[in-house]
Amino acid sequence: MVRSKGKVKDKAQHAVILDKTTSDKLYKDVQSYRLVTVAVLVDRLKINGSLARKCLSDLEEKGIIKPVVQHSKMKIYTRAVGGTD
């Protein structure tokens, strides 16, 4: 039986270091996102997962986003609107 080789997916070239332009885009754009997860940052900013996790913790520390669900595997955030609860 002959097997097809399948389609070859292009390897993603995501940034591993946060440069000035990506950092500016992060702080400006995240405030408009309703749902913020690691996957959202990886997809929209083209950064790798470990960098996205560090960005999320930094954004939470600065009060730009607030946690909705904090699980060991998946953290879900939303934008911080108005004052504190």
PDB file of N, CA and C in Angstrom:
ATOM      1  N   MET A   1       0.839  -1.168   0.000  1.00  0.00           N
ATOM      2  CA  MET A   1       0.000   0.000   0.000  1.00  0.00           C
ATOM      3  C   MET A   1       0.900   1.254   0.000  1.00  0.00           C
ATOM      4  N   VAL A   2       0.534   2.224  -0.815  1.00  0.00           N
ATOM      5  CA  VAL A   2       1.310   3.453  -0.929  1.00  0.00           C
ATOM      6  C   VAL A   2       0.694   4.513  -0.023  1.00  0.00           C
ATOM      7  N   ARG A   3       1.529   5.125   0.791  1.00  0.00           N
ATOM      8  CA  ARG A   3       1.049   6.172   1.695  1.00  0.00           C
ATOM      9  C   ARG A   3       1.402   7.533   1.123  1.00  0.00           C
ATOM     10  N   SER A   4       0.492   8.460   1.279  1.00  0.00           N
ATOM     11  CA  SER A   4       0.792   9.818   0.831  1.00  0.00           C
ATOM     12  C   SER A   4       1.698  10.479   1.873  1.00  0.00           C
ATOM     13  N   LYS A   5       2.521  11.375   1.403  1.00  0.00           N
ATOM     14  CA  LYS A   5       3.462  12.040   2.308  1.00  0.00           C
ATOM     15  C   LYS A   5       2.786  13.119   3.142  1.00  0.00           C
ATOM     16  N   GLY A   6       1.615  13.555   2.740  1.00  0.00           N
ATOM     17  CA  GLY A   6       0.925  14.592   3.502  1.00  0.00           C
ATOM     18  C   GLY A   6       1.467  15.970   3.176  1.00  0.00           C
ATOM     19  N   LYS A   7       0.884  16.951   3.768  1.00  0.00           N
ATOM     20  CA  LYS A   7       1.312  18.318   3.515  1.00  0.00           C
ATOM     21  C   LYS A   7       2.335  18.735   4.562  1.00  0.00           C
ATOM     22  N   VAL A   8       3.324  19.475   4.124  1.00  0.00           N
ATOM     23  CA  VAL A   8       4.365  19.951   5.031  1.00  0.00           C
ATOM     24  C   VAL A   8       3.978  21.347   5.503  1.00  0.00           C
ATOM     25  N   LYS A   9       3.857  21.494   6.810  1.00  0.00           N
ATOM     26  CA  LYS A   9       3.501  22.788   7.385  1.00  0.00           C
ATOM     27  C   LYS A   9       4.768  23.612   7.571  1.00  0.00           C
ATOM     28  N   ASP A  10       4.679  24.899   7.246  1.00  0.00           N
ATOM     29  CA  ASP A  10       5.827  25.783   7.442  1.00  0.00           C
ATOM     30  C   ASP A  10       6.089  25.958   8.929  1.00  0.00           C
ATOM     31  N   LYS A  11       7.368  25.919   9.296  1.00  0.00           N
ATOM     32  CA  LYS A  11       7.728  26.089  10.693  1.00  0.00           C
ATOM     33  C   LYS A  11       7.597  27.564  11.059  1.00  0.00           C
ATOM     34  N   ALA A  12       6.929  27.822  12.159  1.00  0.00           N
ATOM     35  CA  ALA A  12       6.711  29.202  12.599  1.00  0.00           C
ATOM     36  C   ALA A  12       8.011  29.794  13.129  1.00  0.00           C
ATOM     37  N   GLN A  13       8.257  31.027  12.781  1.00  0.00           N
ATOM     38  CA  GLN A  13       9.427  31.746  13.277  1.00  0.00           C
ATOM     39  C   GLN A  13       8.946  32.792  14.280  1.00  0.00           C
ATOM     40  N   HIS A  14       8.755  32.361  15.521  1.00  0.00           N
ATOM     41  CA  HIS A  14       8.270  33.274  16.549  1.00  0.00           C
ATOM     42  C   HIS A  14       9.436  33.877  17.323  1.00  0.00           C
ATOM     43  N   ALA A  15       9.253  35.113  17.758  1.00  0.00           N
ATOM     44  CA  ALA A  15      10.300  35.823  18.491  1.00  0.00           C
ATOM     45  C   ALA A  15      10.479  35.223  19.883  1.00  0.00           C
ATOM     46  N   VAL A  16      11.715  35.155  20.341  1.00  0.00           N
ATOM     47  CA  VAL A  16      12.011  34.642  21.677  1.00  0.00           C
ATOM     48  C   VAL A  16      12.422  35.764  22.626  1.00  0.00           C
ATOM     49  N   ILE A  17      12.645  36.952  22.075  1.00  0.00           N
ATOM     50  CA  ILE A  17      12.996  38.124  22.881  1.00  0.00           C
ATOM     51  C   ILE A  17      12.030  39.245  22.512  1.00  0.00           C
ATOM     52  N   LEU A  18      11.542  39.952  23.516  1.00  0.00           N
ATOM     53  CA  LEU A  18      10.586  41.034  23.296  1.00  0.00           C
ATOM     54  C   LEU A  18      11.347  42.292  22.884  1.00  0.00           C
ATOM     55  N   ASP A  19      11.205  42.692  21.610  1.00  0.00           N
ATOM     56  CA  ASP A  19      11.867  43.916  21.160  1.00  0.00           C
ATOM     57  C   ASP A  19      10.940  45.118  21.382  1.00  0.00           C
ATOM     58  N   LYS A  20      11.426  46.299  21.071  1.00  0.00           N
ATOM     59  CA  LYS A  20      10.693  47.538  21.361  1.00  0.00           C
ATOM     60  C   LYS A  20       9.350  47.584  20.640  1.00  0.00           C
ATOM     61  N   THR A  21       9.318  47.242  19.348  1.00  0.00           N
ATOM     62  CA  THR A  21       8.069  47.338  18.585  1.00  0.00           C
ATOM     63  C   THR A  21       7.032  46.337  19.091  1.00  0.00           C
ATOM     64  N   THR A  22       7.465  45.108  19.395  1.00  0.00           N
ATOM     65  CA  THR A  22       6.540  44.096  19.909  1.00  0.00           C
ATOM     66  C   THR A  22       6.036  44.496  21.288  1.00  0.00           C
ATOM     67  N   SER A  23       6.908  45.056  22.103  1.00  0.00           N
ATOM     68  CA  SER A  23       6.529  45.498  23.442  1.00  0.00           C
ATOM     69  C   SER A  23       5.479  46.613  23.374  1.00  0.00           C
ATOM     70  N   ASP A  24       5.699  47.582  22.487  1.00  0.00           N
ATOM     71  CA  ASP A  24       4.735  48.674  22.318  1.00  0.00           C
ATOM     72  C   ASP A  24       3.389  48.138  21.845  1.00  0.00           C
ATOM     73  N   LYS A  25       3.433  47.206  20.887  1.00  0.00           N
ATOM     74  CA  LYS A  25       2.202  46.599  20.360  1.00  0.00           C
ATOM     75  C   LYS A  25       1.480  45.817  21.456  1.00  0.00           C
ATOM     76  N   LEU A  26       2.253  45.127  22.295  1.00  0.00           N
ATOM     77  CA  LEU A  26       1.678  44.348  23.392  1.00  0.00           C
ATOM     78  C   LEU A  26       0.881  45.248  24.332  1.00  0.00           C
ATOM     79  N   TYR A  27       1.503  46.306  24.823  1.00  0.00           N
ATOM     80  CA  TYR A  27       0.846  47.169  25.805  1.00  0.00           C
ATOM     81  C   TYR A  27      -0.314  47.959  25.202  1.00  0.00           C
ATOM     82  N   LYS A  28      -0.231  48.280  23.912  1.00  0.00           N
ATOM     83  CA  LYS A  28      -1.291  49.052  23.265  1.00  0.00           C
ATOM     84  C   LYS A  28      -2.486  48.166  22.912  1.00  0.00           C
ATOM     85  N   ASP A  29      -2.224  46.997  22.322  1.00  0.00           N
ATOM     86  CA  ASP A  29      -3.298  46.155  21.784  1.00  0.00           C
ATOM     87  C   ASP A  29      -4.004  45.307  22.832  1.00  0.00           C
ATOM     88  N   VAL A  30      -3.282  44.865  23.860  1.00  0.00           N
ATOM     89  CA  VAL A  30      -3.870  43.955  24.845  1.00  0.00           C
ATOM     90  C   VAL A  30      -5.053  44.606  25.561  1.00  0.00           C
ATOM     91  N   GLN A  31      -5.041  45.905  25.702  1.00  0.00           N
ATOM     92  CA  GLN A  31      -6.134  46.601  26.381  1.00  0.00           C
ATOM     93  C   GLN A  31      -7.454  46.477  25.628  1.00  0.00           C
ATOM     94  N   SER A  32      -7.393  46.159  24.323  1.00  0.00           N
ATOM     95  CA  SER A  32      -8.622  46.021  23.538  1.00  0.00           C
ATOM     96  C   SER A  32      -9.080  44.568  23.423  1.00  0.00           C
ATOM     97  N   TYR A  33      -8.259  43.607  23.851  1.00  0.00           N
ATOM     98  CA  TYR A  33      -8.645  42.194  23.769  1.00  0.00           C
ATOM     99  C   TYR A  33      -9.618  41.863  24.894  1.00  0.00           C
ATOM    100  N   ARG A  34     -10.689  41.150  24.565  1.00  0.00           N
ATOM    101  CA  ARG A  34     -11.626  40.719  25.612  1.00  0.00           C
ATOM    102  C   ARG A  34     -11.129  39.453  26.280  1.00  0.00           C
ATOM    103  N   LEU A  35     -10.470  38.592  25.506  1.00  0.00           N
ATOM    104  CA  LEU A  35      -9.936  37.335  26.013  1.00  0.00           C
ATOM    105  C   LEU A  35      -8.431  37.345  25.793  1.00  0.00           C
ATOM    106  N   VAL A  36      -7.665  37.114  26.843  1.00  0.00           N
ATOM    107  CA  VAL A  36      -6.209  37.105  26.732  1.00  0.00           C
ATOM    108  C   VAL A  36      -5.697  35.782  27.288  1.00  0.00           C
ATOM    109  N   THR A  37      -5.067  34.993  26.418  1.00  0.00           N
ATOM    110  CA  THR A  37      -4.432  33.742  26.822  1.00  0.00           C
ATOM    111  C   THR A  37      -3.063  33.683  26.170  1.00  0.00           C
ATOM    112  N   VAL A  38      -2.300  32.662  26.526  1.00  0.00           N
ATOM    113  CA  VAL A  38      -0.990  32.454  25.909  1.00  0.00           C
ATOM    114  C   VAL A  38      -1.156  32.285  24.401  1.00  0.00           C
ATOM    115  N   ALA A  39      -2.140  31.488  23.993  1.00  0.00           N
ATOM    116  CA  ALA A  39      -2.356  31.213  22.568  1.00  0.00           C
ATOM    117  C   ALA A  39      -2.710  32.478  21.784  1.00  0.00           C
ATOM    118  N   VAL A  40      -3.477  33.367  22.398  1.00  0.00           N
ATOM    119  CA  VAL A  40      -3.854  34.619  21.734  1.00  0.00           C
ATOM    120  C   VAL A  40      -2.610  35.471  21.483  1.00  0.00           C
ATOM    121  N   LEU A  41      -1.748  35.594  22.482  1.00  0.00           N
ATOM    122  CA  LEU A  41      -0.527  36.394  22.323  1.00  0.00           C
ATOM    123  C   LEU A  41       0.411  35.773  21.297  1.00  0.00           C
ATOM    124  N   VAL A  42       0.554  34.451  21.327  1.00  0.00           N
ATOM    125  CA  VAL A  42       1.422  33.761  20.363  1.00  0.00           C
ATOM    126  C   VAL A  42       0.922  34.012  18.945  1.00  0.00           C
ATOM    127  N   ASP A  43      -0.381  33.894  18.746  1.00  0.00           N
ATOM    128  CA  ASP A  43      -0.964  34.045  17.418  1.00  0.00           C
ATOM    129  C   ASP A  43      -0.874  35.481  16.911  1.00  0.00           C
ATOM    130  N   ARG A  44      -1.222  36.437  17.745  1.00  0.00           N
ATOM    131  CA  ARG A  44      -1.309  37.822  17.281  1.00  0.00           C
ATOM    132  C   ARG A  44       0.021  38.563  17.279  1.00  0.00           C
ATOM    133  N   LEU A  45       0.908  38.244  18.218  1.00  0.00           N
ATOM    134  CA  LEU A  45       2.172  38.978  18.313  1.00  0.00           C
ATOM    135  C   LEU A  45       3.358  38.212  17.747  1.00  0.00           C
ATOM    136  N   LYS A  46       3.148  36.948  17.378  1.00  0.00           N
ATOM    137  CA  LYS A  46       4.211  36.091  16.830  1.00  0.00           C
ATOM    138  C   LYS A  46       5.392  35.973  17.800  1.00  0.00           C
ATOM    139  N   ILE A  47       5.066  35.691  19.066  1.00  0.00           N
ATOM    140  CA  ILE A  47       6.095  35.423  20.068  1.00  0.00           C
ATOM    141  C   ILE A  47       5.933  33.979  20.517  1.00  0.00           C
ATOM    142  N   ASN A  48       6.969  33.409  21.156  1.00  0.00           N
ATOM    143  CA  ASN A  48       6.833  32.010  21.574  1.00  0.00           C
ATOM    144  C   ASN A  48       6.080  31.913  22.902  1.00  0.00           C
ATOM    145  N   GLY A  49       5.699  30.700  23.274  1.00  0.00           N
ATOM    146  CA  GLY A  49       4.827  30.476  24.419  1.00  0.00           C
ATOM    147  C   GLY A  49       5.413  30.902  25.746  1.00  0.00           C
ATOM    148  N   SER A  50       6.695  30.619  25.964  1.00  0.00           N
ATOM    149  CA  SER A  50       7.296  30.979  27.253  1.00  0.00           C
ATOM    150  C   SER A  50       7.363  32.498  27.417  1.00  0.00           C
ATOM    151  N   LEU A  51       7.628  33.201  26.321  1.00  0.00           N
ATOM    152  CA  LEU A  51       7.642  34.665  26.367  1.00  0.00           C
ATOM    153  C   LEU A  51       6.227  35.204  26.605  1.00  0.00           C
ATOM    154  N   ALA A  52       5.241  34.564  26.006  1.00  0.00           N
ATOM    155  CA  ALA A  52       3.846  34.977  26.200  1.00  0.00           C
ATOM    156  C   ALA A  52       3.425  34.812  27.658  1.00  0.00           C
ATOM    157  N   ARG A  53       3.860  33.723  28.303  1.00  0.00           N
ATOM    158  CA  ARG A  53       3.531  33.513  29.723  1.00  0.00           C
ATOM    159  C   ARG A  53       4.151  34.600  30.591  1.00  0.00           C
ATOM    160  N   LYS A  54       5.388  34.971  30.311  1.00  0.00           N
ATOM    161  CA  LYS A  54       6.049  36.049  31.063  1.00  0.00           C
ATOM    162  C   LYS A  54       5.324  37.378  30.845  1.00  0.00           C
ATOM    163  N   CYS A  55       4.887  37.625  29.612  1.00  0.00           N
ATOM    164  CA  CYS A  55       4.157  38.859  29.312  1.00  0.00           C
ATOM    165  C   CYS A  55       2.847  38.914  30.081  1.00  0.00           C
ATOM    166  N   LEU A  56       2.143  37.784  30.156  1.00  0.00           N
ATOM    167  CA  LEU A  56       0.878  37.740  30.890  1.00  0.00           C
ATOM    168  C   LEU A  56       1.076  38.060  32.365  1.00  0.00           C
ATOM    169  N   SER A  57       2.106  37.475  32.973  1.00  0.00           N
ATOM    170  CA  SER A  57       2.339  37.743  34.395  1.00  0.00           C
ATOM    171  C   SER A  57       2.736  39.205  34.611  1.00  0.00           C
ATOM    172  N   ASP A  58       3.485  39.775  33.666  1.00  0.00           N
ATOM    173  CA  ASP A  58       3.880  41.178  33.757  1.00  0.00           C
ATOM    174  C   ASP A  58       2.666  42.100  33.610  1.00  0.00           C
ATOM    175  N   LEU A  59       1.801  41.792  32.649  1.00  0.00           N
ATOM    176  CA  LEU A  59       0.598  42.599  32.437  1.00  0.00           C
ATOM    177  C   LEU A  59      -0.340  42.537  33.640  1.00  0.00           C
ATOM    178  N   GLU A  60      -0.427  41.359  34.258  1.00  0.00           N
ATOM    179  CA  GLU A  60      -1.276  41.218  35.448  1.00  0.00           C
ATOM    180  C   GLU A  60      -0.701  42.021  36.613  1.00  0.00           C
ATOM    181  N   GLU A  61       0.618  41.974  36.750  1.00  0.00           N
ATOM    182  CA  GLU A  61       1.296  42.711  37.821  1.00  0.00           C
ATOM    183  C   GLU A  61       1.060  44.213  37.689  1.00  0.00           C
ATOM    184  N   LYS A  62       1.031  44.710  36.446  1.00  0.00           N
ATOM    185  CA  LYS A  62       0.832  46.136  36.201  1.00  0.00           C
ATOM    186  C   LYS A  62      -0.639  46.537  36.223  1.00  0.00           C
ATOM    187  N   GLY A  63      -1.541  45.554  36.334  1.00  0.00           N
ATOM    188  CA  GLY A  63      -2.961  45.855  36.422  1.00  0.00           C
ATOM    189  C   GLY A  63      -3.643  46.112  35.094  1.00  0.00           C
ATOM    190  N   ILE A  64      -2.995  45.748  33.986  1.00  0.00           N
ATOM    191  CA  ILE A  64      -3.585  45.955  32.663  1.00  0.00           C
ATOM    192  C   ILE A  64      -4.620  44.875  32.362  1.00  0.00           C
ATOM    193  N   ILE A  65      -4.369  43.651  32.837  1.00  0.00           N
ATOM    194  CA  ILE A  65      -5.322  42.553  32.670  1.00  0.00           C
ATOM    195  C   ILE A  65      -5.622  41.946  34.034  1.00  0.00           C
ATOM    196  N   LYS A  66      -6.761  41.253  34.130  1.00  0.00           N
ATOM    197  CA  LYS A  66      -7.097  40.583  35.391  1.00  0.00           C
ATOM    198  C   LYS A  66      -7.478  39.134  35.099  1.00  0.00           C
ATOM    199  N   PRO A  67      -7.171  38.218  36.014  1.00  0.00           N
ATOM    200  CA  PRO A  67      -7.443  36.795  35.768  1.00  0.00           C
ATOM    201  C   PRO A  67      -8.931  36.467  35.842  1.00  0.00           C
ATOM    202  N   VAL A  68      -9.360  35.561  34.966  1.00  0.00           N
ATOM    203  CA  VAL A  68     -10.716  35.029  35.003  1.00  0.00           C
ATOM    204  C   VAL A  68     -10.653  33.624  35.576  1.00  0.00           C
ATOM    205  N   VAL A  69      -9.777  32.791  34.999  1.00  0.00           N
ATOM    206  CA  VAL A  69      -9.566  31.421  35.461  1.00  0.00           C
ATOM    207  C   VAL A  69      -8.071  31.209  35.588  1.00  0.00           C
ATOM    208  N   GLN A  70      -7.622  30.712  36.748  1.00  0.00           N
ATOM    209  CA  GLN A  70      -6.211  30.391  36.912  1.00  0.00           C
ATOM    210  C   GLN A  70      -6.085  28.922  37.255  1.00  0.00           C
ATOM    211  N   HIS A  71      -5.700  28.152  36.253  1.00  0.00           N
ATOM    212  CA  HIS A  71      -5.477  26.723  36.401  1.00  0.00           C
ATOM    213  C   HIS A  71      -4.002  26.497  36.141  1.00  0.00           C
ATOM    214  N   SER A  72      -3.458  25.388  36.622  1.00  0.00           N
ATOM    215  CA  SER A  72      -2.032  25.146  36.441  1.00  0.00           C
ATOM    216  C   SER A  72      -1.661  25.024  34.965  1.00  0.00           C
ATOM    217  N   LYS A  73      -2.589  24.547  34.142  1.00  0.00           N
ATOM    218  CA  LYS A  73      -2.304  24.347  32.717  1.00  0.00           C
ATOM    219  C   LYS A  73      -2.713  25.528  31.849  1.00  0.00           C
ATOM    220  N   MET A  74      -3.760  26.241  32.257  1.00  0.00           N
ATOM    221  CA  MET A  74      -4.315  27.286  31.393  1.00  0.00           C
ATOM    222  C   MET A  74      -4.741  28.474  32.231  1.00  0.00           C
ATOM    223  N   LYS A  75      -4.218  29.634  31.896  1.00  0.00           N
ATOM    224  CA  LYS A  75      -4.629  30.856  32.578  1.00  0.00           C
ATOM    225  C   LYS A  75      -5.382  31.720  31.576  1.00  0.00           C
ATOM    226  N   ILE A  76      -6.565  32.156  31.964  1.00  0.00           N
ATOM    227  CA  ILE A  76      -7.390  32.985  31.097  1.00  0.00           C
ATOM    228  C   ILE A  76      -7.559  34.346  31.759  1.00  0.00           C
ATOM    229  N   TYR A  77      -7.294  35.387  30.987  1.00  0.00           N
ATOM    230  CA  TYR A  77      -7.376  36.752  31.493  1.00  0.00           C
ATOM    231  C   TYR A  77      -8.351  37.557  30.649  1.00  0.00           C
ATOM    232  N   THR A  78      -8.767  38.689  31.187  1.00  0.00           N
ATOM    233  CA  THR A  78      -9.542  39.660  30.437  1.00  0.00           C
ATOM    234  C   THR A  78      -8.972  41.035  30.759  1.00  0.00           C
ATOM    235  N   ARG A  79      -9.364  42.022  29.968  1.00  0.00           N
ATOM    236  CA  ARG A  79      -8.834  43.369  30.211  1.00  0.00           C
ATOM    237  C   ARG A  79      -9.389  43.912  31.520  1.00  0.00           C
ATOM    238  N   ALA A  80      -8.591  44.697  32.203  1.00  0.00           N
ATOM    239  CA  ALA A  80      -9.035  45.319  33.451  1.00  0.00           C
ATOM    240  C   ALA A  80      -9.763  46.602  33.085  1.00  0.00           C
ATOM    241  N   VAL A  81     -11.040  46.680  33.457  1.00  0.00           N
ATOM    242  CA  VAL A  81     -11.856  47.841  33.117  1.00  0.00           C
ATOM    243  C   VAL A  81     -12.197  48.585  34.396  1.00  0.00           C
ATOM    244  N   GLY A  82     -12.014  49.898  34.382  1.00  0.00           N
ATOM    245  CA  GLY A  82     -12.381  50.719  35.535  1.00  0.00           C
ATOM    246  C   GLY A  82     -11.451  50.508  36.712  1.00  0.00           C
ATOM    247  N   GLY A  83     -12.005  50.640  37.909  1.00  0.00           N
ATOM    248  CA  GLY A  83     -11.225  50.518  39.136  1.00  0.00           C
ATOM    249  C   GLY A  83     -11.120  49.089  39.602  1.00  0.00           C
ATOM    250  N   THR A  84     -10.663  48.932  40.834  1.00  0.00           N
ATOM    251  CA  THR A  84     -10.534  47.592  41.402  1.00  0.00           C
ATOM    252  C   THR A  84     -11.880  47.124  41.925  1.00  0.00           C
ATOM    253  N   ASP A  85     -12.034  45.811  42.059  1.00  0.00           N
ATOM    254  CA  ASP A  85     -13.304  45.239  42.521  1.00  0.00           C
ATOM    255  C   ASP A  85     -13.477  45.405  44.014  1.00  0.00           C
TER     256      ASP A  85
END
